Amino acid sequence: MSSGSRRRRPMSEINVVPYIDVMLVLLIIFMVTAPLLTQGVKVELPQAAAEAIDPADLGDRPPIVLSIDRDGRLFLNQGATPEVALADDLLEARVAALLRRTPGVPVFVKGDRAVPYGRVVEAMTLLQRAGAARVGFITEPTASSPSARAAAI
């Protein structure tokens, strides 16, 4: 066989430099946007020594969290505008729709320690009318407990 009739073998190396560049850009984007996703309503939670939520109970579904700020305004963590206060009837309709879409999703109330107790009861009544069978409270851990806790009732 002559050298002119030999076939070329395909090159079997993959150039990974472009993939590394894309990965680094995505990493930077996620590092910048992650703190923005965790922002929410400023609520000064009461302290309680309660059992921690088991992550296995949550599964892959994000829980519905109803936040009540110092002024008694209601905020829902799910939706297009979680930082905008909702009227009672609109909140009830949104929670009902979320519970129809994902039945069994955990529902929690995150109330400021300065909010009147009556407003918390009104919020829980709205959640029950929307179809929430069980509602838990999110609290700050006491000085002796190491992590954030929530108690379900």
N, C-alpha and C. Protein backbone atom coordinates (compact mmCIF):
# COMPACT_ATOMS: atom_id res chain seq x y z
N MET A 1 0.81 -1.18 0.00
CA MET A 1 0.00 0.00 0.00
C MET A 1 0.86 1.24 0.00
N SER A 2 0.45 2.14 -0.76
CA SER A 2 1.20 3.38 -0.81
C SER A 2 0.65 4.35 0.23
N SER A 3 1.45 5.32 0.58
CA SER A 3 1.05 6.26 1.63
C SER A 3 -0.07 7.17 1.16
N GLY A 4 -0.26 7.35 -0.13
CA GLY A 4 -1.32 8.20 -0.65
C GLY A 4 -2.68 7.56 -0.53
N SER A 5 -2.77 6.23 -0.47
CA SER A 5 -4.05 5.55 -0.42
C SER A 5 -4.51 5.28 1.02
N ARG A 6 -3.69 5.60 2.00
CA ARG A 6 -4.11 5.40 3.39
C ARG A 6 -5.18 6.41 3.77
N ARG A 7 -6.12 5.91 4.54
CA ARG A 7 -7.20 6.79 4.99
C ARG A 7 -6.79 7.46 6.30
N ARG A 8 -7.36 8.63 6.50
CA ARG A 8 -7.11 9.34 7.76
C ARG A 8 -8.05 8.80 8.82
N ARG A 9 -7.56 8.63 10.00
CA ARG A 9 -8.42 8.23 11.10
C ARG A 9 -9.08 9.48 11.69
N PRO A 10 -10.33 9.34 12.09
CA PRO A 10 -10.98 10.53 12.68
C PRO A 10 -10.33 10.89 14.01
N MET A 11 -10.29 12.18 14.26
CA MET A 11 -9.70 12.65 15.50
C MET A 11 -10.68 12.36 16.64
N SER A 12 -10.20 11.81 17.71
CA SER A 12 -11.09 11.40 18.79
C SER A 12 -10.99 12.29 20.03
N GLU A 13 -10.47 13.47 19.89
CA GLU A 13 -10.37 14.39 21.02
C GLU A 13 -11.51 15.39 20.97
N ILE A 14 -12.00 15.76 22.14
CA ILE A 14 -13.04 16.78 22.23
C ILE A 14 -12.43 18.01 22.88
N ASN A 15 -12.67 19.14 22.27
CA ASN A 15 -12.17 20.39 22.80
C ASN A 15 -13.15 20.87 23.87
N VAL A 16 -12.73 20.86 25.14
CA VAL A 16 -13.62 21.20 26.24
C VAL A 16 -13.52 22.67 26.66
N VAL A 17 -12.66 23.43 26.07
CA VAL A 17 -12.49 24.83 26.46
C VAL A 17 -13.79 25.62 26.30
N PRO A 18 -14.53 25.50 25.21
CA PRO A 18 -15.79 26.26 25.12
C PRO A 18 -16.81 25.85 26.20
N TYR A 19 -16.81 24.57 26.57
CA TYR A 19 -17.74 24.11 27.62
C TYR A 19 -17.37 24.70 28.97
N ILE A 20 -16.08 24.81 29.24
CA ILE A 20 -15.62 25.41 30.49
C ILE A 20 -16.01 26.88 30.53
N ASP A 21 -15.87 27.58 29.41
CA ASP A 21 -16.26 28.99 29.36
C ASP A 21 -17.75 29.16 29.66
N VAL A 22 -18.57 28.34 29.06
CA VAL A 22 -20.02 28.41 29.29
C VAL A 22 -20.34 28.10 30.74
N MET A 23 -19.67 27.10 31.31
CA MET A 23 -19.90 26.73 32.70
C MET A 23 -19.54 27.89 33.63
N LEU A 24 -18.44 28.56 33.40
CA LEU A 24 -18.04 29.68 34.24
C LEU A 24 -19.03 30.84 34.14
N VAL A 25 -19.52 31.12 32.95
CA VAL A 25 -20.51 32.19 32.78
C VAL A 25 -21.79 31.84 33.54
N LEU A 26 -22.24 30.58 33.43
CA LEU A 26 -23.44 30.16 34.15
C LEU A 26 -23.23 30.23 35.67
N LEU A 27 -22.05 29.85 36.12
CA LEU A 27 -21.73 29.93 37.54
C LEU A 27 -21.84 31.36 38.04
N ILE A 28 -21.30 32.29 37.31
CA ILE A 28 -21.37 33.71 37.69
C ILE A 28 -22.81 34.18 37.71
N ILE A 29 -23.59 33.80 36.71
CA ILE A 29 -25.00 34.21 36.66
C ILE A 29 -25.75 33.68 37.87
N PHE A 30 -25.55 32.40 38.21
CA PHE A 30 -26.25 31.82 39.36
C PHE A 30 -25.78 32.44 40.67
N MET A 31 -24.50 32.78 40.77
CA MET A 31 -24.00 33.40 41.99
C MET A 31 -24.61 34.78 42.19
N VAL A 32 -24.86 35.49 41.11
CA VAL A 32 -25.45 36.83 41.21
C VAL A 32 -26.94 36.75 41.49
N THR A 33 -27.64 35.81 40.86
CA THR A 33 -29.10 35.76 41.01
C THR A 33 -29.56 35.01 42.25
N ALA A 34 -28.76 34.13 42.83
CA ALA A 34 -29.19 33.34 44.00
C ALA A 34 -29.59 34.21 45.19
N PRO A 35 -28.82 35.24 45.55
CA PRO A 35 -29.26 36.09 46.67
C PRO A 35 -30.57 36.82 46.38
N LEU A 36 -30.82 37.14 45.13
CA LEU A 36 -32.06 37.83 44.79
C LEU A 36 -33.26 36.92 44.96
N LEU A 37 -33.09 35.62 44.76
CA LEU A 37 -34.19 34.68 44.89
C LEU A 37 -34.59 34.47 46.34
N THR A 38 -33.68 34.66 47.27
CA THR A 38 -33.98 34.40 48.67
C THR A 38 -34.54 35.61 49.38
N GLN A 39 -34.58 36.76 48.72
CA GLN A 39 -35.15 37.93 49.35
C GLN A 39 -36.64 37.74 49.51
N GLY A 40 -37.17 38.30 50.52
CA GLY A 40 -38.60 38.16 50.76
C GLY A 40 -39.08 39.28 51.65
N VAL A 41 -40.17 39.04 52.28
CA VAL A 41 -40.78 40.00 53.17
C VAL A 41 -40.02 39.99 54.49
N LYS A 42 -39.70 41.17 55.00
CA LYS A 42 -38.98 41.24 56.28
C LYS A 42 -39.97 40.95 57.39
N VAL A 43 -39.72 39.85 58.08
CA VAL A 43 -40.58 39.42 59.17
C VAL A 43 -39.69 39.07 60.35
N GLU A 44 -40.00 39.64 61.51
CA GLU A 44 -39.27 39.31 62.73
C GLU A 44 -39.99 38.15 63.39
N LEU A 45 -39.44 36.95 63.22
CA LEU A 45 -40.11 35.74 63.68
C LEU A 45 -40.01 35.57 65.19
N PRO A 46 -41.07 35.03 65.80
CA PRO A 46 -40.97 34.70 67.22
C PRO A 46 -40.06 33.50 67.41
N GLN A 47 -39.50 33.38 68.60
CA GLN A 47 -38.62 32.26 68.89
C GLN A 47 -39.41 31.14 69.55
N ALA A 48 -39.10 29.91 69.18
CA ALA A 48 -39.75 28.75 69.77
C ALA A 48 -38.84 27.55 69.63
N ALA A 49 -38.90 26.67 70.61
CA ALA A 49 -38.13 25.42 70.54
C ALA A 49 -39.05 24.38 69.93
N ALA A 50 -38.99 24.25 68.61
CA ALA A 50 -39.85 23.30 67.89
C ALA A 50 -38.98 22.32 67.13
N GLU A 51 -39.57 21.24 66.70
CA GLU A 51 -38.85 20.25 65.91
C GLU A 51 -38.58 20.81 64.51
N ALA A 52 -37.43 20.49 63.96
CA ALA A 52 -37.06 20.95 62.62
C ALA A 52 -37.91 20.22 61.58
N ILE A 53 -38.12 20.88 60.45
CA ILE A 53 -38.84 20.26 59.35
C ILE A 53 -37.94 19.23 58.70
N ASP A 54 -38.46 18.06 58.47
CA ASP A 54 -37.72 17.01 57.80
C ASP A 54 -37.76 17.30 56.29
N PRO A 55 -36.60 17.49 55.64
CA PRO A 55 -36.60 17.78 54.20
C PRO A 55 -37.30 16.71 53.37
N ALA A 56 -37.33 15.48 53.86
CA ALA A 56 -38.01 14.41 53.13
C ALA A 56 -39.52 14.66 53.07
N ASP A 57 -40.06 15.36 54.08
CA ASP A 57 -41.48 15.68 54.07
C ASP A 57 -41.82 16.68 52.98
N LEU A 58 -40.87 17.55 52.64
CA LEU A 58 -41.12 18.55 51.60
C LEU A 58 -41.04 17.94 50.21
N GLY A 59 -40.19 16.95 50.04
CA GLY A 59 -40.01 16.36 48.71
C GLY A 59 -39.39 17.38 47.78
N ASP A 60 -39.81 17.37 46.53
CA ASP A 60 -39.28 18.31 45.55
C ASP A 60 -40.22 19.48 45.33
N ARG A 61 -41.29 19.57 46.13
CA ARG A 61 -42.26 20.65 45.99
C ARG A 61 -41.90 21.79 46.93
N PRO A 62 -41.85 23.01 46.44
CA PRO A 62 -41.63 24.13 47.36
C PRO A 62 -42.89 24.35 48.18
N PRO A 63 -42.77 24.57 49.49
CA PRO A 63 -43.95 24.77 50.30
C PRO A 63 -44.60 26.12 50.02
N ILE A 64 -45.87 26.22 50.35
CA ILE A 64 -46.57 27.51 50.28
C ILE A 64 -46.31 28.21 51.60
N VAL A 65 -45.74 29.41 51.54
CA VAL A 65 -45.45 30.18 52.75
C VAL A 65 -46.22 31.49 52.68
N LEU A 66 -47.09 31.69 53.66
CA LEU A 66 -47.84 32.93 53.81
C LEU A 66 -47.13 33.77 54.85
N SER A 67 -46.60 34.92 54.43
CA SER A 67 -45.89 35.82 55.34
C SER A 67 -46.83 36.94 55.75
N ILE A 68 -46.79 37.28 57.04
CA ILE A 68 -47.58 38.39 57.57
C ILE A 68 -46.60 39.37 58.17
N ASP A 69 -46.54 40.57 57.60
CA ASP A 69 -45.56 41.54 58.10
C ASP A 69 -46.11 42.28 59.32
N ARG A 70 -45.32 43.17 59.85
CA ARG A 70 -45.63 43.91 61.07
C ARG A 70 -46.96 44.67 60.97
N ASP A 71 -47.31 45.11 59.75
CA ASP A 71 -48.54 45.88 59.55
C ASP A 71 -49.75 44.98 59.26
N GLY A 72 -49.57 43.66 59.25
CA GLY A 72 -50.67 42.74 59.01
C GLY A 72 -50.94 42.48 57.55
N ARG A 73 -50.04 42.94 56.66
CA ARG A 73 -50.21 42.67 55.23
C ARG A 73 -49.80 41.24 54.92
N LEU A 74 -50.47 40.63 53.94
CA LEU A 74 -50.25 39.22 53.58
C LEU A 74 -49.45 39.11 52.29
N PHE A 75 -48.46 38.23 52.30
CA PHE A 75 -47.60 37.99 51.14
C PHE A 75 -47.53 36.49 50.91
N LEU A 76 -47.50 36.09 49.64
CA LEU A 76 -47.41 34.68 49.29
C LEU A 76 -46.10 34.45 48.56
N ASN A 77 -45.35 33.41 48.94
CA ASN A 77 -44.02 33.18 48.37
C ASN A 77 -44.07 32.68 46.92
N GLN A 78 -45.22 32.28 46.43
CA GLN A 78 -45.32 31.76 45.07
C GLN A 78 -46.14 32.72 44.22
N GLY A 79 -45.76 32.82 42.96
CA GLY A 79 -46.44 33.73 42.05
C GLY A 79 -45.44 34.66 41.41
N ALA A 80 -45.93 35.52 40.54
CA ALA A 80 -45.04 36.41 39.80
C ALA A 80 -44.47 37.52 40.67
N THR A 81 -45.22 37.96 41.69
CA THR A 81 -44.77 39.09 42.51
C THR A 81 -44.90 38.75 44.00
N PRO A 82 -43.96 37.96 44.54
CA PRO A 82 -44.06 37.59 45.95
C PRO A 82 -43.83 38.74 46.91
N GLU A 83 -43.29 39.87 46.43
CA GLU A 83 -43.02 41.00 47.31
C GLU A 83 -44.18 41.99 47.38
N VAL A 84 -45.28 41.70 46.69
CA VAL A 84 -46.45 42.57 46.68
C VAL A 84 -47.52 41.99 47.62
N ALA A 85 -48.05 42.86 48.50
CA ALA A 85 -49.09 42.42 49.44
C ALA A 85 -50.36 42.07 48.68
N LEU A 86 -51.07 41.05 49.17
CA LEU A 86 -52.28 40.58 48.52
C LEU A 86 -53.50 40.85 49.39
N ALA A 87 -54.63 41.15 48.73
CA ALA A 87 -55.89 41.27 49.44
C ALA A 87 -56.32 39.87 49.88
N ASP A 88 -57.13 39.81 50.92
CA ASP A 88 -57.53 38.52 51.49
C ASP A 88 -58.19 37.60 50.47
N ASP A 89 -59.13 38.13 49.68
CA ASP A 89 -59.84 37.28 48.71
C ASP A 89 -58.93 36.80 47.60
N LEU A 90 -58.00 37.66 47.14
CA LEU A 90 -57.05 37.25 46.11
C LEU A 90 -56.09 36.18 46.64
N LEU A 91 -55.65 36.35 47.89
CA LEU A 91 -54.77 35.37 48.50
C LEU A 91 -55.47 34.01 48.60
N GLU A 92 -56.71 34.02 49.03
CA GLU A 92 -57.46 32.77 49.16
C GLU A 92 -57.60 32.07 47.81
N ALA A 93 -57.87 32.84 46.75
CA ALA A 93 -58.02 32.26 45.41
C ALA A 93 -56.69 31.67 44.92
N ARG A 94 -55.59 32.38 45.16
CA ARG A 94 -54.27 31.87 44.71
C ARG A 94 -53.87 30.60 45.44
N VAL A 95 -54.09 30.58 46.75
CA VAL A 95 -53.74 29.38 47.52
C VAL A 95 -54.61 28.21 47.08
N ALA A 96 -55.90 28.46 46.86
CA ALA A 96 -56.79 27.39 46.40
C ALA A 96 -56.30 26.83 45.07
N ALA A 97 -55.88 27.71 44.15
CA ALA A 97 -55.38 27.25 42.85
C ALA A 97 -54.10 26.45 43.01
N LEU A 98 -53.19 26.91 43.89
CA LEU A 98 -51.94 26.17 44.12
C LEU A 98 -52.21 24.80 44.73
N LEU A 99 -53.16 24.72 45.65
CA LEU A 99 -53.46 23.44 46.29
C LEU A 99 -54.18 22.49 45.33
N ARG A 100 -54.95 23.03 44.40
CA ARG A 100 -55.57 22.17 43.37
C ARG A 100 -54.51 21.62 42.43
N ARG A 101 -53.54 22.45 42.10
CA ARG A 101 -52.49 22.05 41.16
C ARG A 101 -51.53 21.04 41.78
N THR A 102 -51.17 21.26 43.06
CA THR A 102 -50.24 20.35 43.75
C THR A 102 -50.84 19.99 45.11
N PRO A 103 -51.75 19.03 45.14
CA PRO A 103 -52.35 18.65 46.42
C PRO A 103 -51.31 18.04 47.36
N GLY A 104 -51.47 18.31 48.63
CA GLY A 104 -50.55 17.78 49.63
C GLY A 104 -49.31 18.61 49.85
N VAL A 105 -49.19 19.75 49.16
CA VAL A 105 -48.02 20.59 49.36
C VAL A 105 -48.10 21.21 50.76
N PRO A 106 -46.98 21.28 51.49
CA PRO A 106 -46.99 21.85 52.84
C PRO A 106 -47.33 23.34 52.81
N VAL A 107 -48.08 23.79 53.81
CA VAL A 107 -48.48 25.19 53.93
C VAL A 107 -47.97 25.70 55.28
N PHE A 108 -47.26 26.84 55.26
CA PHE A 108 -46.70 27.42 56.47
C PHE A 108 -47.09 28.88 56.60
N VAL A 109 -47.19 29.35 57.84
CA VAL A 109 -47.43 30.76 58.14
C VAL A 109 -46.17 31.30 58.79
N LYS A 110 -45.71 32.44 58.27
CA LYS A 110 -44.51 33.10 58.79
C LYS A 110 -44.95 34.49 59.24
N GLY A 111 -45.36 34.60 60.51
CA GLY A 111 -45.90 35.85 61.02
C GLY A 111 -44.91 36.61 61.86
N ASP A 112 -44.90 37.93 61.68
CA ASP A 112 -44.05 38.79 62.49
C ASP A 112 -44.50 38.72 63.94
N ARG A 113 -43.56 38.82 64.87
CA ARG A 113 -43.91 38.71 66.29
C ARG A 113 -44.77 39.89 66.75
N ALA A 114 -44.76 41.01 66.03
CA ALA A 114 -45.53 42.18 66.44
C ALA A 114 -46.94 42.22 65.84
N VAL A 115 -47.25 41.31 64.95
CA VAL A 115 -48.57 41.32 64.32
C VAL A 115 -49.61 40.84 65.33
N PRO A 116 -50.79 41.48 65.36
CA PRO A 116 -51.83 41.04 66.31
C PRO A 116 -52.23 39.59 66.05
N TYR A 117 -52.47 38.87 67.13
CA TYR A 117 -52.83 37.46 67.04
C TYR A 117 -54.08 37.25 66.19
N GLY A 118 -55.03 38.17 66.27
CA GLY A 118 -56.25 38.07 65.49
C GLY A 118 -55.98 38.03 63.99
N ARG A 119 -54.98 38.76 63.54
CA ARG A 119 -54.64 38.77 62.12
C ARG A 119 -54.07 37.43 61.69
N VAL A 120 -53.29 36.79 62.56
CA VAL A 120 -52.75 35.46 62.25
C VAL A 120 -53.89 34.46 62.14
N VAL A 121 -54.88 34.56 63.04
CA VAL A 121 -56.02 33.66 62.99
C VAL A 121 -56.82 33.88 61.70
N GLU A 122 -57.00 35.15 61.31
CA GLU A 122 -57.70 35.44 60.04
C GLU A 122 -56.96 34.82 58.87
N ALA A 123 -55.63 34.93 58.86
CA ALA A 123 -54.83 34.36 57.77
C ALA A 123 -54.96 32.85 57.73
N MET A 124 -54.96 32.21 58.90
CA MET A 124 -55.11 30.76 58.94
C MET A 124 -56.50 30.35 58.46
N THR A 125 -57.52 31.14 58.78
CA THR A 125 -58.87 30.86 58.30
C THR A 125 -58.93 30.95 56.78
N LEU A 126 -58.24 31.95 56.21
CA LEU A 126 -58.18 32.05 54.75
C LEU A 126 -57.54 30.81 54.14
N LEU A 127 -56.45 30.34 54.76
CA LEU A 127 -55.77 29.15 54.25
C LEU A 127 -56.66 27.91 54.34
N GLN A 128 -57.39 27.79 55.42
CA GLN A 128 -58.29 26.63 55.58
C GLN A 128 -59.43 26.69 54.57
N ARG A 129 -59.99 27.88 54.34
CA ARG A 129 -61.05 28.01 53.33
C ARG A 129 -60.52 27.71 51.93
N ALA A 130 -59.23 27.95 51.72
CA ALA A 130 -58.63 27.66 50.41
C ALA A 130 -58.35 26.18 50.23
N GLY A 131 -58.43 25.41 51.32
CA GLY A 131 -58.25 23.96 51.19
C GLY A 131 -57.05 23.39 51.90
N ALA A 132 -56.34 24.19 52.68
CA ALA A 132 -55.17 23.69 53.42
C ALA A 132 -55.66 22.91 54.63
N ALA A 133 -55.37 21.62 54.67
CA ALA A 133 -55.81 20.77 55.77
C ALA A 133 -54.93 20.97 57.00
N ARG A 134 -53.63 21.13 56.79
CA ARG A 134 -52.68 21.34 57.89
C ARG A 134 -51.86 22.59 57.60
N VAL A 135 -51.66 23.40 58.64
CA VAL A 135 -50.89 24.63 58.51
C VAL A 135 -49.81 24.62 59.58
N GLY A 136 -48.58 24.90 59.18
CA GLY A 136 -47.48 24.97 60.14
C GLY A 136 -47.04 26.40 60.35
N PHE A 137 -46.35 26.63 61.46
CA PHE A 137 -45.79 27.94 61.77
C PHE A 137 -44.28 27.90 61.61
N ILE A 138 -43.72 28.93 61.01
CA ILE A 138 -42.27 29.06 60.90
C ILE A 138 -41.82 29.99 62.02
N THR A 139 -40.83 29.54 62.80
CA THR A 139 -40.32 30.33 63.92
C THR A 139 -38.80 30.39 63.85
N GLU A 140 -38.24 31.31 64.61
CA GLU A 140 -36.79 31.38 64.78
C GLU A 140 -36.42 30.39 65.88
N PRO A 141 -35.24 29.78 65.77
CA PRO A 141 -34.83 28.88 66.85
C PRO A 141 -34.49 29.67 68.11
N THR A 142 -34.64 29.04 69.25
CA THR A 142 -34.21 29.67 70.49
C THR A 142 -32.70 29.62 70.56
N ALA A 143 -32.15 30.25 71.55
CA ALA A 143 -30.68 30.31 71.67
C ALA A 143 -30.07 28.92 71.81
N SER A 144 -30.82 27.97 72.35
CA SER A 144 -30.25 26.64 72.55
C SER A 144 -30.38 25.73 71.34
N SER A 145 -31.22 26.11 70.35
CA SER A 145 -31.38 25.24 69.18
C SER A 145 -30.58 25.79 68.01
N PRO A 146 -29.93 24.91 67.23
CA PRO A 146 -28.96 25.34 66.23
C PRO A 146 -29.55 25.77 64.90
N SER A 147 -30.78 25.40 64.54
CA SER A 147 -31.27 25.69 63.20
C SER A 147 -32.67 26.24 63.25
N ALA A 148 -33.13 26.80 62.12
CA ALA A 148 -34.49 27.33 62.04
C ALA A 148 -35.48 26.18 62.15
N ARG A 149 -36.58 26.43 62.78
CA ARG A 149 -37.54 25.37 63.06
C ARG A 149 -38.93 25.77 62.57
N ALA A 150 -39.78 24.78 62.43
CA ALA A 150 -41.19 25.03 62.14
C ALA A 150 -42.01 23.98 62.87
N ALA A 151 -43.15 24.39 63.33
CA ALA A 151 -44.03 23.47 64.04
C ALA A 151 -45.31 23.33 63.23
N ALA A 152 -45.76 22.11 63.01
CA ALA A 152 -46.99 21.89 62.27
C ALA A 152 -48.11 21.56 63.24
N ILE A 153 -49.29 22.09 62.93
CA ILE A 153 -50.45 21.75 63.76
C ILE A 153 -51.47 21.04 62.93
